[in-house]
Amino acid sequence: MCLAIPGCVKEIEDNVAKVDFGGVRRRIGIGLVPDVKLGDYVLVHAGFAIQVVDFEEAQRQLDLIRQIASDAEPLEETTNG
């Protein structure tokens, strides 16, 4: 299964952008979305922006991720051996 996380483009330099994910900024490859601009929201998978989305779609995706995380049951600690 693949998961793409939405983030907001804050800086662009060549084919790399600094993308904000709720206060955490990461350097992301933007070669697959050549028309991206500052302030755009992008879906990021494996360190690459794969699609530009509007704010409403980004918010909808973040809401779904939060819902999934809140519904998840805690992991049990296991030991190897």
N, C-alpha and C. Protein backbone atom coordinates (compact mmCIF):
# COMPACT_ATOMS: atom_id res chain seq x y z
N MET A 1 0.84 -1.17 0.00
CA MET A 1 0.00 0.00 0.00
C MET A 1 0.89 1.23 0.00
N CYS A 2 0.49 2.24 -0.75
CA CYS A 2 1.22 3.51 -0.80
C CYS A 2 0.43 4.56 -0.05
N LEU A 3 1.15 5.48 0.53
CA LEU A 3 0.52 6.58 1.25
C LEU A 3 1.20 7.87 0.83
N ALA A 4 0.43 8.85 0.42
CA ALA A 4 0.95 10.17 0.07
C ALA A 4 0.41 11.16 1.09
N ILE A 5 1.27 12.02 1.58
CA ILE A 5 0.91 12.99 2.62
C ILE A 5 0.89 14.38 2.01
N PRO A 6 -0.17 15.17 2.26
CA PRO A 6 -0.20 16.53 1.74
C PRO A 6 0.65 17.48 2.57
N GLY A 7 1.28 18.42 1.87
CA GLY A 7 2.07 19.46 2.52
C GLY A 7 2.08 20.71 1.67
N CYS A 8 2.47 21.83 2.28
CA CYS A 8 2.46 23.12 1.60
C CYS A 8 3.88 23.52 1.20
N VAL A 9 4.05 23.92 -0.05
CA VAL A 9 5.35 24.31 -0.57
C VAL A 9 5.72 25.69 -0.03
N LYS A 10 6.85 25.78 0.65
CA LYS A 10 7.29 27.04 1.27
C LYS A 10 8.49 27.66 0.58
N GLU A 11 9.34 26.85 -0.04
CA GLU A 11 10.52 27.35 -0.76
C GLU A 11 10.76 26.44 -1.96
N ILE A 12 11.27 27.04 -3.03
CA ILE A 12 11.62 26.26 -4.22
C ILE A 12 13.01 26.68 -4.69
N GLU A 13 13.85 25.67 -4.95
CA GLU A 13 15.18 25.91 -5.52
C GLU A 13 15.48 24.77 -6.48
N ASP A 14 15.53 25.10 -7.76
CA ASP A 14 15.72 24.10 -8.81
C ASP A 14 14.60 23.06 -8.73
N ASN A 15 14.94 21.79 -8.62
CA ASN A 15 13.94 20.72 -8.56
C ASN A 15 13.68 20.22 -7.15
N VAL A 16 13.95 21.08 -6.16
CA VAL A 16 13.74 20.71 -4.76
C VAL A 16 12.92 21.81 -4.09
N ALA A 17 11.99 21.39 -3.25
CA ALA A 17 11.18 22.35 -2.49
C ALA A 17 11.24 22.00 -1.01
N LYS A 18 11.13 23.01 -0.17
CA LYS A 18 10.89 22.77 1.25
C LYS A 18 9.38 22.77 1.43
N VAL A 19 8.88 21.65 1.93
CA VAL A 19 7.45 21.46 2.09
C VAL A 19 7.13 21.35 3.58
N ASP A 20 6.10 22.06 3.99
CA ASP A 20 5.68 22.09 5.39
C ASP A 20 4.58 21.07 5.62
N PHE A 21 4.81 20.20 6.59
CA PHE A 21 3.84 19.19 7.02
C PHE A 21 3.44 19.49 8.45
N GLY A 22 2.58 20.46 8.64
CA GLY A 22 2.10 20.79 9.99
C GLY A 22 3.20 21.26 10.92
N GLY A 23 4.14 22.04 10.42
CA GLY A 23 5.22 22.57 11.24
C GLY A 23 6.55 21.88 11.04
N VAL A 24 6.54 20.73 10.39
CA VAL A 24 7.78 20.01 10.08
C VAL A 24 8.07 20.24 8.60
N ARG A 25 9.27 20.74 8.31
CA ARG A 25 9.64 21.01 6.91
C ARG A 25 10.67 19.99 6.44
N ARG A 26 10.45 19.52 5.22
CA ARG A 26 11.35 18.55 4.60
C ARG A 26 11.65 18.99 3.18
N ARG A 27 12.84 18.59 2.71
CA ARG A 27 13.23 18.83 1.32
C ARG A 27 12.63 17.72 0.47
N ILE A 28 11.90 18.11 -0.58
CA ILE A 28 11.14 17.18 -1.40
C ILE A 28 11.47 17.41 -2.87
N GLY A 29 11.66 16.34 -3.62
CA GLY A 29 11.87 16.45 -5.06
C GLY A 29 10.58 16.86 -5.75
N ILE A 30 10.68 17.84 -6.66
CA ILE A 30 9.48 18.32 -7.35
C ILE A 30 9.57 18.13 -8.86
N GLY A 31 10.47 17.30 -9.33
CA GLY A 31 10.63 17.08 -10.76
C GLY A 31 9.40 16.50 -11.44
N LEU A 32 8.54 15.82 -10.69
CA LEU A 32 7.33 15.21 -11.27
C LEU A 32 6.18 16.20 -11.38
N VAL A 33 6.31 17.37 -10.74
CA VAL A 33 5.26 18.40 -10.77
C VAL A 33 5.91 19.73 -11.16
N PRO A 34 6.32 19.87 -12.43
CA PRO A 34 7.12 21.02 -12.85
C PRO A 34 6.42 22.37 -12.72
N ASP A 35 5.09 22.40 -12.65
CA ASP A 35 4.37 23.67 -12.56
C ASP A 35 4.06 24.10 -11.13
N VAL A 36 4.63 23.43 -10.14
CA VAL A 36 4.35 23.75 -8.74
C VAL A 36 4.84 25.16 -8.41
N LYS A 37 4.09 25.86 -7.55
CA LYS A 37 4.44 27.22 -7.14
C LYS A 37 4.43 27.32 -5.62
N LEU A 38 5.06 28.39 -5.10
CA LEU A 38 5.01 28.65 -3.66
C LEU A 38 3.56 28.73 -3.21
N GLY A 39 3.28 28.09 -2.07
CA GLY A 39 1.93 28.10 -1.53
C GLY A 39 1.05 26.97 -2.01
N ASP A 40 1.48 26.26 -3.06
CA ASP A 40 0.72 25.10 -3.53
C ASP A 40 0.77 23.98 -2.50
N TYR A 41 -0.26 23.16 -2.51
CA TYR A 41 -0.26 21.93 -1.72
C TYR A 41 0.06 20.78 -2.65
N VAL A 42 0.93 19.90 -2.19
CA VAL A 42 1.34 18.75 -2.98
C VAL A 42 1.16 17.48 -2.17
N LEU A 43 0.91 16.38 -2.87
CA LEU A 43 0.91 15.07 -2.24
C LEU A 43 2.32 14.52 -2.38
N VAL A 44 2.89 14.07 -1.27
CA VAL A 44 4.28 13.61 -1.24
C VAL A 44 4.33 12.13 -0.88
N HIS A 45 5.06 11.39 -1.71
CA HIS A 45 5.28 9.97 -1.47
C HIS A 45 6.76 9.68 -1.68
N ALA A 46 7.37 9.06 -0.70
CA ALA A 46 8.77 8.62 -0.78
C ALA A 46 9.72 9.77 -1.15
N GLY A 47 9.44 10.96 -0.61
CA GLY A 47 10.35 12.08 -0.82
C GLY A 47 10.14 12.86 -2.10
N PHE A 48 9.07 12.55 -2.84
CA PHE A 48 8.79 13.23 -4.10
C PHE A 48 7.35 13.73 -4.12
N ALA A 49 7.16 14.96 -4.58
CA ALA A 49 5.81 15.47 -4.82
C ALA A 49 5.29 14.75 -6.06
N ILE A 50 4.10 14.15 -5.95
CA ILE A 50 3.56 13.39 -7.08
C ILE A 50 2.33 14.04 -7.69
N GLN A 51 1.75 15.03 -6.99
CA GLN A 51 0.57 15.68 -7.52
C GLN A 51 0.34 16.99 -6.78
N VAL A 52 -0.11 18.02 -7.50
CA VAL A 52 -0.54 19.27 -6.88
C VAL A 52 -2.04 19.14 -6.60
N VAL A 53 -2.46 19.52 -5.39
CA VAL A 53 -3.88 19.47 -5.01
C VAL A 53 -4.28 20.82 -4.44
N ASP A 54 -5.59 21.10 -4.44
CA ASP A 54 -6.04 22.35 -3.84
C ASP A 54 -6.13 22.19 -2.32
N PHE A 55 -6.32 23.32 -1.63
CA PHE A 55 -6.35 23.32 -0.17
C PHE A 55 -7.42 22.38 0.37
N GLU A 56 -8.60 22.40 -0.23
CA GLU A 56 -9.70 21.58 0.27
C GLU A 56 -9.37 20.08 0.19
N GLU A 57 -8.75 19.67 -0.92
CA GLU A 57 -8.36 18.27 -1.05
C GLU A 57 -7.27 17.91 -0.05
N ALA A 58 -6.30 18.79 0.13
CA ALA A 58 -5.24 18.55 1.12
C ALA A 58 -5.85 18.39 2.51
N GLN A 59 -6.78 19.26 2.86
CA GLN A 59 -7.42 19.20 4.18
C GLN A 59 -8.22 17.91 4.34
N ARG A 60 -8.93 17.52 3.29
CA ARG A 60 -9.72 16.27 3.33
C ARG A 60 -8.80 15.07 3.57
N GLN A 61 -7.66 15.05 2.89
CA GLN A 61 -6.72 13.94 3.07
C GLN A 61 -6.14 13.93 4.48
N LEU A 62 -5.77 15.11 4.99
CA LEU A 62 -5.25 15.19 6.37
C LEU A 62 -6.29 14.73 7.38
N ASP A 63 -7.54 15.11 7.17
CA ASP A 63 -8.62 14.68 8.07
C ASP A 63 -8.75 13.16 8.06
N LEU A 64 -8.65 12.54 6.88
CA LEU A 64 -8.72 11.08 6.80
C LEU A 64 -7.55 10.42 7.52
N ILE A 65 -6.36 10.97 7.35
CA ILE A 65 -5.18 10.42 8.03
C ILE A 65 -5.35 10.52 9.54
N ARG A 66 -5.84 11.67 10.03
CA ARG A 66 -6.07 11.83 11.47
C ARG A 66 -7.10 10.83 11.98
N GLN A 67 -8.16 10.63 11.20
CA GLN A 67 -9.20 9.68 11.61
C GLN A 67 -8.65 8.26 11.69
N ILE A 68 -7.88 7.88 10.70
CA ILE A 68 -7.27 6.54 10.71
C ILE A 68 -6.36 6.39 11.92
N ALA A 69 -5.56 7.41 12.19
CA ALA A 69 -4.63 7.34 13.33
C ALA A 69 -5.39 7.26 14.66
N SER A 70 -6.48 7.98 14.78
CA SER A 70 -7.22 7.95 16.05
C SER A 70 -7.97 6.64 16.24
N ASP A 71 -8.33 5.97 15.14
CA ASP A 71 -9.04 4.68 15.21
C ASP A 71 -8.10 3.50 15.41
N ALA A 72 -6.81 3.71 15.18
CA ALA A 72 -5.84 2.61 15.26
C ALA A 72 -5.66 2.17 16.71
N GLU A 73 -5.55 0.88 16.88
CA GLU A 73 -5.29 0.36 18.21
C GLU A 73 -3.81 0.44 18.52
N PRO A 74 -3.47 0.68 19.79
CA PRO A 74 -2.05 0.78 20.14
C PRO A 74 -1.31 -0.51 19.84
N LEU A 75 -0.06 -0.39 19.45
CA LEU A 75 0.77 -1.56 19.22
C LEU A 75 1.17 -2.18 20.54
N GLU A 76 1.27 -3.49 20.54
CA GLU A 76 1.76 -4.17 21.73
C GLU A 76 3.27 -4.32 21.63
N GLU A 77 3.93 -4.13 22.75
CA GLU A 77 5.39 -4.29 22.76
C GLU A 77 5.71 -5.77 22.67
N THR A 78 6.66 -6.10 21.79
CA THR A 78 7.08 -7.49 21.66
C THR A 78 8.58 -7.57 21.86
N THR A 79 9.03 -8.73 22.19
CA THR A 79 10.47 -8.95 22.33
C THR A 79 10.87 -10.03 21.35
N ASN A 80 12.04 -9.86 20.79
CA ASN A 80 12.57 -10.87 19.88
C ASN A 80 13.42 -11.84 20.67
N GLY A 81 13.19 -13.08 20.44
CA GLY A 81 14.08 -14.01 21.08
C GLY A 81 13.41 -15.12 21.64
